[in-house]
N, C-alpha and C. Protein backbone atom coordinates (compact mmCIF):
# COMPACT_ATOMS: atom_id res chain seq x y z
N MET A 1 11.70 -101.53 58.30
CA MET A 1 11.23 -101.63 56.93
C MET A 1 10.27 -100.49 56.62
N ARG A 2 9.41 -100.23 57.62
CA ARG A 2 8.46 -99.13 57.43
C ARG A 2 9.19 -97.81 57.32
N LYS A 3 10.26 -97.59 58.09
CA LYS A 3 11.03 -96.35 58.05
C LYS A 3 11.67 -96.17 56.70
N VAL A 4 12.17 -97.30 56.14
CA VAL A 4 12.83 -97.21 54.82
C VAL A 4 11.83 -96.81 53.79
N SER A 5 10.64 -97.43 53.83
CA SER A 5 9.62 -97.12 52.83
C SER A 5 9.20 -95.65 52.93
N THR A 6 9.06 -95.19 54.20
CA THR A 6 8.68 -93.78 54.38
C THR A 6 9.73 -92.85 53.84
N LEU A 7 11.01 -93.13 54.07
CA LEU A 7 12.12 -92.30 53.60
C LEU A 7 12.16 -92.26 52.10
N VAL A 8 11.94 -93.44 51.48
CA VAL A 8 11.97 -93.49 50.01
C VAL A 8 10.83 -92.67 49.44
N GLY A 9 9.65 -92.77 50.09
CA GLY A 9 8.50 -92.00 49.59
C GLY A 9 8.73 -90.51 49.67
N LEU A 10 9.29 -90.03 50.79
CA LEU A 10 9.58 -88.62 50.94
C LEU A 10 10.59 -88.13 49.92
N THR A 11 11.57 -88.99 49.65
CA THR A 11 12.61 -88.61 48.68
C THR A 11 12.01 -88.46 47.30
N LEU A 12 11.14 -89.41 46.89
CA LEU A 12 10.51 -89.35 45.57
C LEU A 12 9.59 -88.12 45.47
N PHE A 13 8.89 -87.82 46.57
CA PHE A 13 8.01 -86.66 46.57
C PHE A 13 8.79 -85.35 46.40
N ALA A 14 9.93 -85.29 47.06
CA ALA A 14 10.79 -84.09 46.95
C ALA A 14 11.33 -83.94 45.55
N LEU A 15 11.77 -85.05 44.94
CA LEU A 15 12.31 -84.99 43.59
C LEU A 15 11.24 -84.55 42.60
N ALA A 16 10.01 -85.05 42.77
CA ALA A 16 8.92 -84.68 41.87
C ALA A 16 8.61 -83.19 41.98
N GLY A 17 8.60 -82.66 43.20
CA GLY A 17 8.33 -81.22 43.39
C GLY A 17 9.41 -80.37 42.77
N SER A 18 10.68 -80.82 42.89
CA SER A 18 11.79 -80.06 42.31
C SER A 18 11.69 -80.02 40.80
N ALA A 19 11.32 -81.16 40.17
CA ALA A 19 11.21 -81.22 38.70
C ALA A 19 10.10 -80.30 38.22
N ARG A 20 8.98 -80.31 38.97
CA ARG A 20 7.87 -79.46 38.56
C ARG A 20 8.25 -77.98 38.63
N ALA A 21 8.99 -77.60 39.66
CA ALA A 21 9.42 -76.20 39.81
C ALA A 21 10.33 -75.78 38.66
N GLN A 22 11.23 -76.74 38.23
CA GLN A 22 12.14 -76.42 37.14
C GLN A 22 11.38 -76.26 35.82
N ASP A 23 10.28 -77.07 35.65
CA ASP A 23 9.53 -76.98 34.39
C ASP A 23 8.79 -75.65 34.28
N THR A 24 8.31 -75.11 35.41
CA THR A 24 7.53 -73.87 35.35
C THR A 24 8.41 -72.64 35.38
N ALA A 25 9.64 -72.75 35.83
CA ALA A 25 10.54 -71.59 35.88
C ALA A 25 11.05 -71.25 34.50
N ALA A 26 11.24 -69.96 34.21
CA ALA A 26 11.80 -69.55 32.92
C ALA A 26 13.25 -69.88 32.87
N PRO A 27 13.77 -70.32 31.73
CA PRO A 27 15.20 -70.59 31.61
C PRO A 27 15.98 -69.34 31.94
N ALA A 28 17.15 -69.63 32.57
CA ALA A 28 17.96 -68.49 33.02
C ALA A 28 18.33 -67.56 31.90
N GLY A 29 18.64 -68.08 30.72
CA GLY A 29 19.12 -67.22 29.63
C GLY A 29 18.01 -66.68 28.75
N ASP A 30 16.74 -67.07 29.06
CA ASP A 30 15.65 -66.66 28.19
C ASP A 30 15.13 -65.30 28.65
N THR A 31 15.25 -64.29 27.87
CA THR A 31 14.76 -62.95 28.20
C THR A 31 13.67 -62.57 27.23
N ALA A 32 12.78 -61.71 27.72
CA ALA A 32 11.68 -61.27 26.85
C ALA A 32 12.23 -60.57 25.62
N ALA A 33 11.61 -60.84 24.51
CA ALA A 33 12.08 -60.23 23.26
C ALA A 33 11.85 -58.73 23.32
N VAL A 34 12.91 -57.98 23.03
CA VAL A 34 12.83 -56.52 23.04
C VAL A 34 12.59 -56.05 21.62
N PRO A 35 11.57 -55.25 21.44
CA PRO A 35 11.34 -54.79 20.06
C PRO A 35 12.56 -54.07 19.52
N ALA A 36 12.85 -54.37 18.31
CA ALA A 36 14.01 -53.74 17.68
C ALA A 36 13.79 -52.24 17.59
N ALA A 37 14.85 -51.52 17.85
CA ALA A 37 14.76 -50.06 17.79
C ALA A 37 14.42 -49.64 16.38
N ASP A 38 13.61 -48.62 16.33
CA ASP A 38 13.22 -48.12 15.01
C ASP A 38 14.39 -47.36 14.41
N THR A 39 15.05 -48.01 13.50
CA THR A 39 16.25 -47.41 12.90
C THR A 39 15.96 -46.72 11.59
N ALA A 40 14.69 -46.71 11.19
CA ALA A 40 14.38 -46.06 9.92
C ALA A 40 14.64 -44.56 10.03
N ALA A 41 15.25 -43.99 9.00
CA ALA A 41 15.57 -42.56 9.01
C ALA A 41 14.29 -41.75 9.00
N PRO A 42 14.24 -40.66 9.78
CA PRO A 42 13.04 -39.82 9.78
C PRO A 42 12.82 -39.22 8.41
N PRO A 43 11.57 -38.96 8.07
CA PRO A 43 11.32 -38.39 6.74
C PRO A 43 11.99 -37.03 6.62
N PRO A 44 12.48 -36.71 5.45
CA PRO A 44 13.17 -35.42 5.27
C PRO A 44 12.23 -34.27 5.56
N ALA A 45 12.79 -33.25 6.18
CA ALA A 45 11.98 -32.07 6.50
C ALA A 45 11.48 -31.43 5.22
N ALA A 46 10.30 -30.88 5.32
CA ALA A 46 9.75 -30.22 4.14
C ALA A 46 10.64 -29.04 3.74
N ALA A 47 10.87 -28.93 2.47
CA ALA A 47 11.73 -27.87 1.98
C ALA A 47 11.10 -26.52 2.27
N ALA A 48 11.93 -25.58 2.74
CA ALA A 48 11.42 -24.24 3.04
C ALA A 48 10.96 -23.58 1.75
N PRO A 49 9.88 -22.84 1.81
CA PRO A 49 9.42 -22.17 0.60
C PRO A 49 10.45 -21.19 0.10
N ALA A 50 10.54 -21.07 -1.20
CA ALA A 50 11.52 -20.17 -1.80
C ALA A 50 11.20 -18.73 -1.41
N ALA A 51 12.23 -17.96 -1.12
CA ALA A 51 12.03 -16.56 -0.74
C ALA A 51 11.41 -15.79 -1.89
N ALA A 52 10.50 -14.90 -1.54
CA ALA A 52 9.84 -14.11 -2.57
C ALA A 52 10.87 -13.24 -3.28
N SER A 53 10.75 -13.17 -4.58
CA SER A 53 11.70 -12.38 -5.34
C SER A 53 11.46 -10.90 -5.06
N GLU A 54 12.53 -10.13 -5.13
CA GLU A 54 12.43 -8.70 -4.85
C GLU A 54 11.58 -8.03 -5.90
N SER A 55 10.74 -7.09 -5.45
CA SER A 55 9.88 -6.37 -6.38
C SER A 55 10.73 -5.55 -7.35
N LYS A 56 10.35 -5.59 -8.61
CA LYS A 56 11.11 -4.88 -9.63
C LYS A 56 10.51 -3.52 -9.97
N MET A 57 9.21 -3.35 -9.73
CA MET A 57 8.54 -2.12 -10.12
C MET A 57 7.89 -1.45 -8.91
N GLN A 58 7.85 -0.13 -8.97
CA GLN A 58 7.17 0.66 -7.95
C GLN A 58 6.33 1.74 -8.62
N ALA A 59 5.18 2.02 -8.04
CA ALA A 59 4.33 3.12 -8.50
C ALA A 59 3.82 3.85 -7.27
N GLY A 60 3.79 5.17 -7.34
CA GLY A 60 3.37 5.93 -6.17
C GLY A 60 2.72 7.25 -6.53
N VAL A 61 2.12 7.86 -5.53
CA VAL A 61 1.53 9.19 -5.66
C VAL A 61 1.97 10.01 -4.46
N ASN A 62 2.27 11.29 -4.69
CA ASN A 62 2.78 12.16 -3.64
C ASN A 62 2.00 13.47 -3.59
N LEU A 63 1.76 13.96 -2.38
CA LEU A 63 1.33 15.33 -2.18
C LEU A 63 2.58 16.19 -2.14
N LEU A 64 2.51 17.36 -2.78
CA LEU A 64 3.71 18.19 -2.93
C LEU A 64 3.44 19.62 -2.43
N PRO A 65 3.61 19.89 -1.16
CA PRO A 65 3.57 21.28 -0.71
C PRO A 65 4.72 22.06 -1.36
N VAL A 66 4.42 23.25 -1.83
CA VAL A 66 5.43 24.11 -2.47
C VAL A 66 5.79 25.20 -1.48
N LEU A 67 6.99 25.09 -0.91
CA LEU A 67 7.42 26.02 0.13
C LEU A 67 8.63 26.84 -0.34
N LEU A 68 8.73 28.06 0.19
CA LEU A 68 9.87 28.94 -0.09
C LEU A 68 10.10 29.11 -1.58
N GLY A 69 9.00 29.20 -2.33
CA GLY A 69 9.13 29.40 -3.77
C GLY A 69 9.67 30.78 -4.11
N LYS A 70 10.35 30.84 -5.23
CA LYS A 70 10.94 32.12 -5.66
C LYS A 70 11.01 32.13 -7.18
N THR A 71 10.66 33.27 -7.76
CA THR A 71 10.85 33.45 -9.20
C THR A 71 11.92 34.52 -9.42
N LYS A 72 12.70 34.29 -10.44
CA LYS A 72 13.75 35.25 -10.81
C LYS A 72 13.57 35.62 -12.27
N SER A 73 13.50 36.90 -12.49
CA SER A 73 13.37 37.39 -13.87
C SER A 73 14.40 38.49 -14.10
N ASP A 74 14.38 39.04 -15.29
CA ASP A 74 15.33 40.12 -15.59
C ASP A 74 15.02 41.36 -14.74
N ALA A 75 13.79 41.45 -14.21
CA ALA A 75 13.41 42.61 -13.39
C ALA A 75 13.73 42.40 -11.92
N GLY A 76 14.15 41.21 -11.52
CA GLY A 76 14.45 40.94 -10.11
C GLY A 76 13.85 39.63 -9.67
N SER A 77 13.76 39.43 -8.35
CA SER A 77 13.24 38.18 -7.80
C SER A 77 11.99 38.46 -6.97
N THR A 78 11.13 37.47 -6.89
CA THR A 78 9.88 37.59 -6.16
C THR A 78 9.66 36.35 -5.33
N ASP A 79 9.33 36.55 -4.04
CA ASP A 79 8.99 35.41 -3.19
C ASP A 79 7.56 34.96 -3.50
N MET A 80 7.38 33.64 -3.48
CA MET A 80 6.08 33.08 -3.83
C MET A 80 5.33 32.64 -2.58
N ALA A 81 4.00 32.72 -2.66
CA ALA A 81 3.15 32.24 -1.57
C ALA A 81 3.16 30.71 -1.55
N PHE A 82 2.60 30.16 -0.47
CA PHE A 82 2.50 28.70 -0.36
C PHE A 82 1.67 28.15 -1.51
N GLY A 83 2.19 27.13 -2.15
CA GLY A 83 1.47 26.45 -3.21
C GLY A 83 1.31 24.98 -2.88
N TYR A 84 0.74 24.25 -3.77
CA TYR A 84 0.50 22.83 -3.53
C TYR A 84 0.47 22.09 -4.87
N GLY A 85 0.51 20.80 -4.79
CA GLY A 85 0.46 20.00 -6.01
C GLY A 85 0.47 18.52 -5.68
N PHE A 86 0.58 17.72 -6.71
CA PHE A 86 0.70 16.28 -6.53
C PHE A 86 1.58 15.73 -7.65
N GLY A 87 2.14 14.59 -7.38
CA GLY A 87 3.02 13.96 -8.35
C GLY A 87 2.80 12.46 -8.42
N LEU A 88 3.14 11.90 -9.55
CA LEU A 88 3.09 10.46 -9.75
C LEU A 88 4.51 9.95 -9.97
N SER A 89 4.73 8.70 -9.70
CA SER A 89 6.06 8.12 -9.94
C SER A 89 5.93 6.67 -10.37
N PHE A 90 6.78 6.31 -11.32
CA PHE A 90 6.86 4.93 -11.81
C PHE A 90 8.34 4.60 -11.95
N GLY A 91 8.75 3.50 -11.33
CA GLY A 91 10.17 3.15 -11.36
C GLY A 91 10.39 1.67 -11.55
N TYR A 92 11.54 1.34 -12.14
CA TYR A 92 11.93 -0.05 -12.36
C TYR A 92 13.34 -0.25 -11.82
N ALA A 93 13.54 -1.36 -11.07
CA ALA A 93 14.85 -1.64 -10.47
C ALA A 93 15.77 -2.26 -11.51
N VAL A 94 16.74 -1.47 -11.99
CA VAL A 94 17.69 -2.00 -12.96
C VAL A 94 18.71 -2.91 -12.28
N ILE A 95 19.03 -2.61 -11.05
CA ILE A 95 19.78 -3.49 -10.15
C ILE A 95 19.14 -3.34 -8.78
N PRO A 96 19.38 -4.27 -7.85
CA PRO A 96 18.73 -4.15 -6.54
C PRO A 96 18.98 -2.80 -5.88
N GLY A 97 17.90 -2.10 -5.58
CA GLY A 97 18.00 -0.81 -4.90
C GLY A 97 18.03 0.40 -5.80
N LEU A 98 18.38 0.23 -7.09
CA LEU A 98 18.50 1.37 -8.00
C LEU A 98 17.31 1.40 -8.95
N TYR A 99 16.49 2.44 -8.82
CA TYR A 99 15.27 2.56 -9.61
C TYR A 99 15.40 3.69 -10.63
N VAL A 100 14.93 3.43 -11.83
CA VAL A 100 14.93 4.41 -12.91
C VAL A 100 13.50 4.49 -13.45
N GLY A 101 13.01 5.72 -13.62
CA GLY A 101 11.64 5.85 -14.10
C GLY A 101 11.27 7.29 -14.38
N VAL A 102 9.99 7.59 -14.25
CA VAL A 102 9.48 8.94 -14.51
C VAL A 102 8.67 9.39 -13.31
N ALA A 103 8.55 10.74 -13.15
CA ALA A 103 7.82 11.30 -12.01
C ALA A 103 7.19 12.63 -12.39
N PRO A 104 6.16 12.62 -13.22
CA PRO A 104 5.50 13.88 -13.57
C PRO A 104 4.82 14.50 -12.35
N GLN A 105 4.77 15.84 -12.32
CA GLN A 105 4.12 16.51 -11.20
C GLN A 105 3.35 17.73 -11.69
N PHE A 106 2.32 18.11 -10.91
CA PHE A 106 1.41 19.18 -11.29
C PHE A 106 1.27 20.12 -10.09
N LEU A 107 1.57 21.40 -10.29
CA LEU A 107 1.59 22.38 -9.20
C LEU A 107 0.52 23.44 -9.42
N PHE A 108 -0.06 23.89 -8.31
CA PHE A 108 -1.15 24.86 -8.37
C PHE A 108 -0.92 25.95 -7.31
N GLY A 109 -1.67 27.05 -7.46
CA GLY A 109 -1.62 28.11 -6.46
C GLY A 109 -0.32 28.88 -6.45
N LEU A 110 0.31 29.01 -7.60
CA LEU A 110 1.59 29.72 -7.67
C LEU A 110 1.34 31.19 -7.93
N LYS A 111 1.64 32.02 -6.92
CA LYS A 111 1.44 33.46 -7.04
C LYS A 111 2.36 34.18 -6.06
N PRO A 112 2.60 35.46 -6.28
CA PRO A 112 3.50 36.20 -5.40
C PRO A 112 2.99 36.21 -3.96
N LYS A 113 3.94 36.23 -3.03
CA LYS A 113 3.58 36.24 -1.62
C LYS A 113 3.05 37.59 -1.18
N ASP A 114 3.70 38.65 -1.61
CA ASP A 114 3.31 40.01 -1.20
C ASP A 114 2.58 40.69 -2.35
N VAL A 115 1.31 40.93 -2.14
CA VAL A 115 0.48 41.59 -3.15
C VAL A 115 -0.01 42.91 -2.57
N PRO A 116 0.18 44.01 -3.29
CA PRO A 116 -0.28 45.31 -2.76
C PRO A 116 -1.76 45.30 -2.44
N ALA A 117 -2.12 46.02 -1.40
CA ALA A 117 -3.53 46.09 -1.00
C ALA A 117 -4.37 46.60 -2.15
N GLY A 118 -5.51 45.97 -2.33
CA GLY A 118 -6.43 46.39 -3.40
C GLY A 118 -6.19 45.68 -4.70
N PHE A 119 -5.11 44.87 -4.79
CA PHE A 119 -4.82 44.15 -6.02
C PHE A 119 -5.11 42.66 -5.81
N THR A 120 -5.57 42.05 -6.85
CA THR A 120 -5.82 40.61 -6.84
C THR A 120 -4.97 39.96 -7.93
N VAL A 121 -4.25 38.94 -7.56
CA VAL A 121 -3.40 38.23 -8.53
C VAL A 121 -3.88 36.79 -8.65
N GLU A 122 -4.21 36.40 -9.85
CA GLU A 122 -4.61 35.02 -10.08
C GLU A 122 -3.37 34.13 -10.06
N SER A 123 -3.56 32.92 -9.58
CA SER A 123 -2.42 32.01 -9.45
C SER A 123 -2.10 31.31 -10.76
N SER A 124 -0.86 30.90 -10.87
CA SER A 124 -0.39 30.15 -12.04
C SER A 124 -0.33 28.67 -11.71
N LYS A 125 -0.09 27.88 -12.74
CA LYS A 125 0.08 26.43 -12.59
C LYS A 125 1.39 26.04 -13.25
N ALA A 126 1.81 24.82 -12.97
CA ALA A 126 3.02 24.30 -13.61
C ALA A 126 2.88 22.81 -13.84
N ILE A 127 3.38 22.37 -14.96
CA ILE A 127 3.47 20.93 -15.27
C ILE A 127 4.94 20.61 -15.44
N ASP A 128 5.44 19.69 -14.63
CA ASP A 128 6.85 19.29 -14.69
C ASP A 128 6.94 17.83 -15.14
N LEU A 129 7.59 17.63 -16.25
CA LEU A 129 7.78 16.28 -16.78
C LEU A 129 9.18 15.83 -16.41
N LEU A 130 9.27 15.00 -15.37
CA LEU A 130 10.56 14.66 -14.78
C LEU A 130 10.89 13.18 -14.96
N ALA A 131 12.17 12.93 -15.18
CA ALA A 131 12.69 11.57 -15.04
C ALA A 131 13.14 11.41 -13.59
N ARG A 132 13.26 10.17 -13.14
CA ARG A 132 13.65 9.96 -11.75
C ARG A 132 14.65 8.81 -11.66
N VAL A 133 15.76 9.08 -10.98
CA VAL A 133 16.74 8.06 -10.65
C VAL A 133 16.90 8.07 -9.14
N ALA A 134 16.61 6.94 -8.50
CA ALA A 134 16.64 6.89 -7.04
C ALA A 134 17.33 5.62 -6.57
N TYR A 135 18.07 5.76 -5.49
CA TYR A 135 18.70 4.59 -4.87
C TYR A 135 18.14 4.43 -3.46
N VAL A 136 17.66 3.23 -3.16
CA VAL A 136 17.06 2.92 -1.86
C VAL A 136 17.99 2.00 -1.08
N TYR A 137 18.35 2.42 0.12
CA TYR A 137 19.20 1.61 0.99
C TYR A 137 18.37 1.11 2.17
N THR A 138 18.34 -0.20 2.37
CA THR A 138 17.55 -0.79 3.44
C THR A 138 18.30 -0.67 4.77
N VAL A 139 17.72 0.10 5.69
CA VAL A 139 18.33 0.30 7.00
C VAL A 139 18.02 -0.88 7.92
N MET A 140 16.77 -1.33 7.88
CA MET A 140 16.30 -2.47 8.66
C MET A 140 15.09 -3.02 7.93
N PRO A 141 14.63 -4.20 8.29
CA PRO A 141 13.44 -4.74 7.61
C PRO A 141 12.30 -3.73 7.61
N LYS A 142 11.75 -3.51 6.43
CA LYS A 142 10.60 -2.62 6.19
C LYS A 142 10.96 -1.14 6.10
N LEU A 143 12.16 -0.74 6.50
CA LEU A 143 12.53 0.67 6.49
C LEU A 143 13.74 0.91 5.60
N GLY A 144 13.60 1.85 4.67
CA GLY A 144 14.71 2.20 3.79
C GLY A 144 14.83 3.71 3.67
N ILE A 145 16.02 4.17 3.33
CA ILE A 145 16.23 5.58 3.04
C ILE A 145 16.65 5.69 1.57
N TYR A 146 16.36 6.82 0.97
CA TYR A 146 16.65 6.94 -0.46
C TYR A 146 17.18 8.34 -0.78
N ALA A 147 17.89 8.39 -1.89
CA ALA A 147 18.31 9.65 -2.49
C ALA A 147 17.86 9.63 -3.94
N GLU A 148 17.42 10.78 -4.44
CA GLU A 148 16.86 10.82 -5.78
C GLU A 148 17.32 12.06 -6.54
N VAL A 149 17.38 11.91 -7.85
CA VAL A 149 17.67 13.02 -8.76
C VAL A 149 16.57 13.01 -9.82
N LEU A 150 16.01 14.22 -10.10
CA LEU A 150 14.89 14.32 -11.02
C LEU A 150 15.13 15.43 -12.04
N PRO A 151 15.75 15.14 -13.14
CA PRO A 151 15.89 16.14 -14.21
C PRO A 151 14.65 16.11 -15.10
N GLY A 152 14.36 17.24 -15.75
CA GLY A 152 13.21 17.22 -16.64
C GLY A 152 12.93 18.56 -17.28
N TYR A 153 11.69 18.73 -17.70
CA TYR A 153 11.26 19.91 -18.45
C TYR A 153 9.99 20.45 -17.80
N SER A 154 9.92 21.78 -17.65
CA SER A 154 8.81 22.41 -16.95
C SER A 154 8.06 23.37 -17.86
N ILE A 155 6.74 23.42 -17.66
CA ILE A 155 5.89 24.36 -18.38
C ILE A 155 5.11 25.16 -17.35
N LEU A 156 5.33 26.47 -17.30
CA LEU A 156 4.60 27.36 -16.41
C LEU A 156 3.37 27.89 -17.14
N LEU A 157 2.22 27.83 -16.50
CA LEU A 157 0.96 28.23 -17.13
C LEU A 157 0.37 29.40 -16.35
N PRO A 158 0.67 30.64 -16.75
CA PRO A 158 0.09 31.80 -16.08
C PRO A 158 -1.39 31.93 -16.46
N PRO A 159 -2.14 32.69 -15.67
CA PRO A 159 -3.57 32.85 -16.01
C PRO A 159 -3.77 33.51 -17.36
N GLU A 160 -2.81 34.28 -17.81
CA GLU A 160 -2.88 34.89 -19.15
C GLU A 160 -1.45 35.19 -19.60
N GLY A 161 -1.30 35.36 -20.89
CA GLY A 161 0.03 35.65 -21.41
C GLY A 161 0.76 34.40 -21.86
N SER A 162 2.02 34.57 -22.17
CA SER A 162 2.83 33.47 -22.71
C SER A 162 3.22 32.48 -21.63
N LYS A 163 3.40 31.25 -22.05
CA LYS A 163 3.83 30.19 -21.14
C LYS A 163 5.32 30.30 -20.89
N GLY A 164 5.73 29.90 -19.69
CA GLY A 164 7.14 29.77 -19.40
C GLY A 164 7.58 28.32 -19.60
N LYS A 165 8.71 28.16 -20.24
CA LYS A 165 9.19 26.80 -20.53
C LYS A 165 10.68 26.73 -20.26
N GLY A 166 11.13 25.54 -19.88
CA GLY A 166 12.56 25.37 -19.68
C GLY A 166 12.89 24.13 -18.87
N PHE A 167 14.17 23.89 -18.78
CA PHE A 167 14.65 22.71 -18.06
C PHE A 167 14.64 22.96 -16.55
N VAL A 168 14.44 21.88 -15.81
CA VAL A 168 14.49 21.93 -14.35
C VAL A 168 15.27 20.71 -13.86
N ILE A 169 15.77 20.83 -12.67
CA ILE A 169 16.39 19.68 -12.02
C ILE A 169 16.05 19.73 -10.53
N ALA A 170 15.71 18.59 -9.99
CA ALA A 170 15.34 18.48 -8.58
C ALA A 170 16.13 17.34 -7.96
N GLY A 171 16.28 17.40 -6.67
CA GLY A 171 16.97 16.33 -5.94
C GLY A 171 16.47 16.31 -4.51
N GLY A 172 16.66 15.20 -3.85
CA GLY A 172 16.21 15.11 -2.47
C GLY A 172 16.56 13.80 -1.82
N VAL A 173 16.21 13.70 -0.55
CA VAL A 173 16.42 12.49 0.23
C VAL A 173 15.12 12.22 0.99
N GLY A 174 14.97 10.98 1.44
CA GLY A 174 13.76 10.65 2.18
C GLY A 174 13.83 9.25 2.77
N ALA A 175 12.70 8.83 3.28
CA ALA A 175 12.59 7.50 3.88
C ALA A 175 11.29 6.87 3.41
N MET A 176 11.29 5.54 3.32
CA MET A 176 10.09 4.81 2.96
C MET A 176 9.92 3.62 3.89
N TYR A 177 8.66 3.35 4.23
CA TYR A 177 8.35 2.28 5.18
C TYR A 177 7.33 1.35 4.55
N ASP A 178 7.61 0.03 4.62
CA ASP A 178 6.71 -0.97 4.05
C ASP A 178 5.59 -1.28 5.04
N VAL A 179 4.38 -0.86 4.70
CA VAL A 179 3.22 -1.18 5.53
C VAL A 179 2.87 -2.65 5.37
N THR A 180 2.94 -3.15 4.13
CA THR A 180 2.79 -4.58 3.83
C THR A 180 3.87 -4.94 2.83
N ASP A 181 3.84 -6.17 2.33
CA ASP A 181 4.84 -6.58 1.34
C ASP A 181 4.71 -5.78 0.05
N GLN A 182 3.51 -5.25 -0.23
CA GLN A 182 3.30 -4.52 -1.48
C GLN A 182 3.11 -3.01 -1.29
N VAL A 183 2.64 -2.57 -0.13
CA VAL A 183 2.28 -1.17 0.07
C VAL A 183 3.32 -0.47 0.94
N PHE A 184 3.72 0.74 0.55
CA PHE A 184 4.68 1.52 1.34
C PHE A 184 4.21 2.97 1.44
N VAL A 185 4.74 3.66 2.44
CA VAL A 185 4.55 5.10 2.57
C VAL A 185 5.92 5.76 2.55
N ASN A 186 5.95 7.04 2.17
CA ASN A 186 7.24 7.72 2.05
C ASN A 186 7.13 9.18 2.45
N LEU A 187 8.26 9.72 2.85
CA LEU A 187 8.38 11.13 3.19
C LEU A 187 9.73 11.61 2.71
N GLY A 188 9.74 12.67 1.90
CA GLY A 188 11.00 13.17 1.35
C GLY A 188 11.05 14.68 1.35
N VAL A 189 12.26 15.20 1.27
CA VAL A 189 12.47 16.64 1.20
C VAL A 189 13.61 16.90 0.22
N GLY A 190 13.48 17.97 -0.55
CA GLY A 190 14.51 18.30 -1.52
C GLY A 190 14.32 19.70 -2.06
N TYR A 191 14.94 19.96 -3.19
CA TYR A 191 14.89 21.29 -3.78
C TYR A 191 14.79 21.15 -5.29
N GLN A 192 14.03 22.04 -5.90
CA GLN A 192 13.90 22.06 -7.36
C GLN A 192 14.31 23.42 -7.88
N TYR A 193 15.14 23.41 -8.90
CA TYR A 193 15.63 24.65 -9.50
C TYR A 193 15.23 24.67 -10.97
N GLY A 194 14.59 25.77 -11.38
CA GLY A 194 14.11 25.87 -12.75
C GLY A 194 14.89 26.86 -13.59
N LEU A 195 14.94 26.59 -14.89
CA LEU A 195 15.59 27.47 -15.86
C LEU A 195 14.59 27.90 -16.93
N GLN A 196 13.35 28.16 -16.50
CA GLN A 196 12.31 28.51 -17.44
C GLN A 196 12.53 29.91 -18.03
N LYS A 197 11.93 30.11 -19.19
CA LYS A 197 11.92 31.42 -19.84
C LYS A 197 10.54 31.67 -20.43
N VAL A 198 10.16 32.95 -20.43
CA VAL A 198 8.94 33.37 -21.12
C VAL A 198 9.40 34.11 -22.37
N ASP A 199 9.10 33.53 -23.50
CA ASP A 199 9.69 34.00 -24.76
C ASP A 199 11.21 33.91 -24.61
N SER A 200 11.89 35.02 -24.61
CA SER A 200 13.35 34.96 -24.42
C SER A 200 13.77 35.53 -23.07
N ALA A 201 12.79 35.93 -22.25
CA ALA A 201 13.11 36.55 -20.95
C ALA A 201 13.16 35.48 -19.86
N LYS A 202 14.10 35.64 -18.96
CA LYS A 202 14.25 34.69 -17.86
C LYS A 202 13.07 34.77 -16.91
N SER A 203 12.58 33.60 -16.50
CA SER A 203 11.49 33.54 -15.52
C SER A 203 11.66 32.28 -14.68
N ASN A 204 12.81 32.17 -14.06
CA ASN A 204 13.12 30.95 -13.32
C ASN A 204 12.21 30.80 -12.10
N PHE A 205 11.79 29.56 -11.85
CA PHE A 205 10.95 29.26 -10.68
C PHE A 205 11.58 28.10 -9.92
N SER A 206 11.87 28.35 -8.62
CA SER A 206 12.50 27.33 -7.79
C SER A 206 11.77 27.25 -6.46
N PHE A 207 11.84 26.12 -5.77
CA PHE A 207 11.13 25.97 -4.50
C PHE A 207 11.67 24.78 -3.72
N LEU A 208 11.35 24.79 -2.41
CA LEU A 208 11.63 23.65 -1.55
C LEU A 208 10.59 22.58 -1.84
N ARG A 209 11.05 21.38 -2.11
CA ARG A 209 10.16 20.31 -2.57
C ARG A 209 9.94 19.29 -1.46
N ILE A 210 8.71 19.20 -0.95
CA ILE A 210 8.33 18.21 0.05
C ILE A 210 7.46 17.15 -0.64
N ALA A 211 7.70 15.89 -0.32
CA ALA A 211 6.91 14.80 -0.92
C ALA A 211 6.39 13.89 0.19
N VAL A 212 5.08 13.81 0.31
CA VAL A 212 4.43 12.94 1.28
C VAL A 212 3.51 12.01 0.50
N GLY A 213 3.76 10.71 0.54
CA GLY A 213 2.96 9.86 -0.31
C GLY A 213 2.95 8.41 0.07
N ALA A 214 2.43 7.62 -0.87
CA ALA A 214 2.32 6.17 -0.70
C ALA A 214 2.41 5.52 -2.06
N GLY A 215 2.66 4.22 -2.06
CA GLY A 215 2.79 3.53 -3.33
C GLY A 215 2.68 2.02 -3.18
N MET A 216 2.90 1.35 -4.30
CA MET A 216 2.81 -0.11 -4.34
C MET A 216 4.02 -0.68 -5.08
N LYS A 217 4.39 -1.90 -4.67
CA LYS A 217 5.46 -2.64 -5.35
C LYS A 217 4.84 -3.78 -6.15
N PHE A 218 5.46 -4.05 -7.29
CA PHE A 218 4.96 -5.12 -8.16
C PHE A 218 6.08 -6.10 -8.48
């Protein structure tokens, strides 16, 4: 009888322990809640700033060494000494790369190269009122090459006597480099041929035209 009671007690104790274990254990199918994936679409990327519009206007100033100058008159031709000057330029882009404007220039120190010993010759001046048509081709960012044509009217101002007047035409090629978005430097070479006259006599003045300068875009 005692054995039966002991067996029954052990059995009840085992059943109670098993029930308690089942109550504390997590259900087989119960898993920790997983946060839902963030499915919200990312905010749209900020729109890229609009590209800066191409500059339409240019203004510049050039130093103009006067090399290989020559005058031709009815009496013959004369080689000219080294002269110098400066020029201004204003241009507007009628289409991308093609600029139309004006380029007045002022020349000084114009006198014959060979002067007989004992003689002194005062130098002449010139004012050239030129139009300018130039096309700029971009080779790489910040660097462009250009070709230009400059027709116009010239006034020769000798130290005394009558003024020389007449049409001139110049042309050349060069390169320009953008130092900043607005500032550029340029170097060009070309030739200018004049058809000036003093009264009715021919007094043509022509020279190799060098342009070293800088400018701004607007």
